[in-house]
Amino acid sequence: MAGRGQTQERGNASGDVKHAITMLNDRVLVHVPSAEGERRSRSGILIPATADVSKRLSWADVAGVGPHVRTLKPGDKVLFNPEECAEVEVQGEEYLILRERDVHAMASERLDGGTGLYL
């Protein structure tokens, strides 16, 4: 990614230039890894992505942040409720848009001097 809140401009084989995207206000653009859909229980049972699990939170990678987002940066991992976001397709990839206040936790390689859990 180009920097805080922006994605890079890229051209494709036909010469079309894709525009840079800047997130606004307190919005966060996240990318959910494809492996997030299916999961296994502790006993080894495969649970499909379509299974209804109430109140299950998901992890995603931050792709861009708006100018009013104070604690997140691109590359961080965030824990959020998938029911509190909007889906969008950007440059052929699926992303989610949520507000900073809808993020329950974050995991980062940055050392901010705070206390917390390590994932």
C-alpha atoms as a PDB file:
ATOM      1  CA  MET A   1       0.000   0.000   0.000  1.00  0.00           C
ATOM      2  CA  ALA A   2       1.130   3.526  -0.692  1.00  0.00           C
ATOM      3  CA  GLY A   3       0.758   4.972   2.788  1.00  0.00           C
ATOM      4  CA  ARG A   4      -1.695   5.926   5.457  1.00  0.00           C
ATOM      5  CA  GLY A   5      -5.174   5.533   4.012  1.00  0.00           C
ATOM      6  CA  GLN A   6      -4.199   5.127   0.380  1.00  0.00           C
ATOM      7  CA  THR A   7      -3.808   2.320  -2.086  1.00  0.00           C
ATOM      8  CA  GLN A   8      -1.358   2.458  -4.966  1.00  0.00           C
ATOM      9  CA  GLU A   9      -2.248   3.390  -8.522  1.00  0.00           C
ATOM     10  CA  ARG A  10      -1.648   0.487 -10.858  1.00  0.00           C
ATOM     11  CA  GLY A  11      -2.096   0.004 -14.535  1.00  0.00           C
ATOM     12  CA  ASN A  12      -3.205  -3.193 -16.191  1.00  0.00           C
ATOM     13  CA  ALA A  13      -2.458  -4.827 -19.548  1.00  0.00           C
ATOM     14  CA  SER A  14      -5.051  -2.711 -21.382  1.00  0.00           C
ATOM     15  CA  GLY A  15      -3.457   0.537 -20.149  1.00  0.00           C
ATOM     16  CA  ASP A  16      -6.284   1.537 -17.776  1.00  0.00           C
ATOM     17  CA  VAL A  17      -5.018   3.320 -14.669  1.00  0.00           C
ATOM     18  CA  LYS A  18      -6.668   2.375 -11.395  1.00  0.00           C
ATOM     19  CA  HIS A  19      -7.236   5.319  -9.068  1.00  0.00           C
ATOM     20  CA  ALA A  20      -5.803   5.644  -5.583  1.00  0.00           C
ATOM     21  CA  ILE A  21      -8.317   5.215  -2.788  1.00  0.00           C
ATOM     22  CA  THR A  22      -8.312   7.408   0.299  1.00  0.00           C
ATOM     23  CA  MET A  23     -10.410   6.389   3.285  1.00  0.00           C
ATOM     24  CA  LEU A  24     -12.378   9.198   4.933  1.00  0.00           C
ATOM     25  CA  ASN A  25     -13.057  10.139   8.559  1.00  0.00           C
ATOM     26  CA  ASP A  26     -12.871   7.218  11.008  1.00  0.00           C
ATOM     27  CA  ARG A  27     -13.292   4.461   8.403  1.00  0.00           C
ATOM     28  CA  VAL A  28     -11.010   1.423   8.205  1.00  0.00           C
ATOM     29  CA  LEU A  29     -10.586  -0.735   5.085  1.00  0.00           C
ATOM     30  CA  VAL A  30      -9.824  -4.354   5.985  1.00  0.00           C
ATOM     31  CA  HIS A  31      -9.079  -7.487   3.989  1.00  0.00           C
ATOM     32  CA  VAL A  32     -10.285 -10.806   5.425  1.00  0.00           C
ATOM     33  CA  PRO A  33      -7.915 -13.676   4.589  1.00  0.00           C
ATOM     34  CA  SER A  34      -9.536 -16.367   2.430  1.00  0.00           C
ATOM     35  CA  ALA A  35      -8.727 -19.061   5.014  1.00  0.00           C
ATOM     36  CA  GLU A  36     -10.984 -17.257   7.496  1.00  0.00           C
ATOM     37  CA  GLY A  37     -14.121 -18.852   6.019  1.00  0.00           C
ATOM     38  CA  GLU A  38     -13.757 -22.510   6.966  1.00  0.00           C
ATOM     39  CA  ARG A  39     -12.397 -23.526  10.331  1.00  0.00           C
ATOM     40  CA  ARG A  40     -11.935 -26.642  12.449  1.00  0.00           C
ATOM     41  CA  SER A  41     -13.252 -27.307  15.913  1.00  0.00           C
ATOM     42  CA  ARG A  42     -10.910 -28.530  18.648  1.00  0.00           C
ATOM     43  CA  SER A  43     -12.033 -32.082  17.958  1.00  0.00           C
ATOM     44  CA  GLY A  44     -11.184 -31.742  14.254  1.00  0.00           C
ATOM     45  CA  ILE A  45     -14.670 -31.233  12.798  1.00  0.00           C
ATOM     46  CA  LEU A  46     -14.656 -28.972   9.720  1.00  0.00           C
ATOM     47  CA  ILE A  47     -17.087 -26.047  10.133  1.00  0.00           C
ATOM     48  CA  PRO A  48     -18.037 -24.473   6.759  1.00  0.00           C
ATOM     49  CA  ALA A  49     -18.061 -20.708   6.257  1.00  0.00           C
ATOM     50  CA  THR A  50     -21.831 -20.782   5.755  1.00  0.00           C
ATOM     51  CA  ALA A  51     -22.501 -22.214   9.245  1.00  0.00           C
ATOM     52  CA  ASP A  52     -24.452 -19.831  11.461  1.00  0.00           C
ATOM     53  CA  VAL A  53     -22.361 -19.057  14.525  1.00  0.00           C
ATOM     54  CA  SER A  54     -23.896 -16.335  16.657  1.00  0.00           C
ATOM     55  CA  LYS A  55     -21.691 -13.486  17.828  1.00  0.00           C
ATOM     56  CA  ARG A  56     -18.480 -14.841  16.291  1.00  0.00           C
ATOM     57  CA  LEU A  57     -15.834 -12.149  15.814  1.00  0.00           C
ATOM     58  CA  SER A  58     -13.339 -12.242  12.913  1.00  0.00           C
ATOM     59  CA  TRP A  59      -9.733 -11.171  12.357  1.00  0.00           C
ATOM     60  CA  ALA A  60      -8.731  -9.141   9.298  1.00  0.00           C
ATOM     61  CA  ASP A  61      -5.722  -7.205   7.994  1.00  0.00           C
ATOM     62  CA  VAL A  62      -5.936  -3.397   7.822  1.00  0.00           C
ATOM     63  CA  ALA A  63      -5.432  -2.207   4.248  1.00  0.00           C
ATOM     64  CA  GLY A  64      -6.137   1.505   4.723  1.00  0.00           C
ATOM     65  CA  VAL A  65      -7.331   3.986   7.342  1.00  0.00           C
ATOM     66  CA  GLY A  66      -8.990   7.392   7.296  1.00  0.00           C
ATOM     67  CA  PRO A  67      -7.373  10.575   8.656  1.00  0.00           C
ATOM     68  CA  HIS A  68      -9.324  10.471  11.953  1.00  0.00           C
ATOM     69  CA  VAL A  69      -8.258   6.920  12.854  1.00  0.00           C
ATOM     70  CA  ARG A  70      -5.857   7.264  15.775  1.00  0.00           C
ATOM     71  CA  THR A  71      -4.744   3.772  16.767  1.00  0.00           C
ATOM     72  CA  LEU A  72      -4.632   1.641  13.604  1.00  0.00           C
ATOM     73  CA  LYS A  73      -2.177   1.565  10.736  1.00  0.00           C
ATOM     74  CA  PRO A  74      -2.088  -0.480   7.513  1.00  0.00           C
ATOM     75  CA  GLY A  75      -0.655  -3.917   8.250  1.00  0.00           C
ATOM     76  CA  ASP A  76      -2.248  -4.276  11.702  1.00  0.00           C
ATOM     77  CA  LYS A  77      -4.673  -7.134  12.402  1.00  0.00           C
ATOM     78  CA  VAL A  78      -8.063  -6.212  13.879  1.00  0.00           C
ATOM     79  CA  LEU A  79     -10.819  -8.161  15.623  1.00  0.00           C
ATOM     80  CA  PHE A  80     -14.331  -7.052  14.672  1.00  0.00           C
ATOM     81  CA  ASN A  81     -17.945  -8.182  14.343  1.00  0.00           C
ATOM     82  CA  PRO A  82     -18.669  -9.021  10.671  1.00  0.00           C
ATOM     83  CA  GLU A  83     -22.280  -7.881  11.124  1.00  0.00           C
ATOM     84  CA  GLU A  84     -21.148  -4.272  11.765  1.00  0.00           C
ATOM     85  CA  CYS A  85     -19.441  -3.568   8.438  1.00  0.00           C
ATOM     86  CA  ALA A  86     -20.056  -3.068   4.730  1.00  0.00           C
ATOM     87  CA  GLU A  87     -18.607  -5.200   1.931  1.00  0.00           C
ATOM     88  CA  VAL A  88     -16.943  -3.610  -1.084  1.00  0.00           C
ATOM     89  CA  GLU A  89     -14.952  -4.803  -4.084  1.00  0.00           C
ATOM     90  CA  VAL A  90     -11.810  -2.785  -4.782  1.00  0.00           C
ATOM     91  CA  GLN A  91      -9.613  -3.555  -7.786  1.00  0.00           C
ATOM     92  CA  GLY A  92     -11.071  -7.050  -8.066  1.00  0.00           C
ATOM     93  CA  GLU A  93     -10.597  -7.978  -4.379  1.00  0.00           C
ATOM     94  CA  GLU A  94     -13.174  -8.164  -1.583  1.00  0.00           C
ATOM     95  CA  TYR A  95     -12.732  -5.776   1.359  1.00  0.00           C
ATOM     96  CA  LEU A  96     -14.794  -4.665   4.332  1.00  0.00           C
ATOM     97  CA  ILE A  97     -15.297  -1.103   5.575  1.00  0.00           C
ATOM     98  CA  LEU A  98     -15.875  -0.475   9.260  1.00  0.00           C
ATOM     99  CA  ARG A  99     -15.523   2.320  11.770  1.00  0.00           C
ATOM    100  CA  GLU A 100     -12.645   2.509  14.212  1.00  0.00           C
ATOM    101  CA  ARG A 101     -15.089   2.274  17.121  1.00  0.00           C
ATOM    102  CA  ASP A 102     -16.319  -1.110  15.792  1.00  0.00           C
ATOM    103  CA  VAL A 103     -12.859  -2.650  16.242  1.00  0.00           C
ATOM    104  CA  HIS A 104     -12.723  -4.741  19.429  1.00  0.00           C
ATOM    105  CA  ALA A 105      -8.966  -5.457  19.484  1.00  0.00           C
ATOM    106  CA  MET A 106      -5.828  -5.140  17.395  1.00  0.00           C
ATOM    107  CA  ALA A 107      -2.638  -7.114  16.954  1.00  0.00           C
ATOM    108  CA  SER A 108       0.442  -5.305  15.712  1.00  0.00           C
ATOM    109  CA  GLU A 109       4.176  -5.854  15.406  1.00  0.00           C
ATOM    110  CA  ARG A 110       4.699  -2.249  16.519  1.00  0.00           C
ATOM    111  CA  LEU A 111       5.797  -1.701  20.097  1.00  0.00           C
ATOM    112  CA  ASP A 112       3.575   1.024  21.506  1.00  0.00           C
ATOM    113  CA  GLY A 113       4.670   0.559  25.095  1.00  0.00           C
ATOM    114  CA  GLY A 114       1.217  -0.612  26.189  1.00  0.00           C
ATOM    115  CA  THR A 115       0.327  -3.766  28.002  1.00  0.00           C
ATOM    116  CA  GLY A 116      -1.713  -6.492  26.385  1.00  0.00           C
ATOM    117  CA  LEU A 117      -1.841  -9.983  25.050  1.00  0.00           C
ATOM    118  CA  TYR A 118       0.470 -11.362  22.401  1.00  0.00           C
ATOM    119  CA  LEU A 119      -0.999 -13.406  19.558  1.00  0.00           C
END
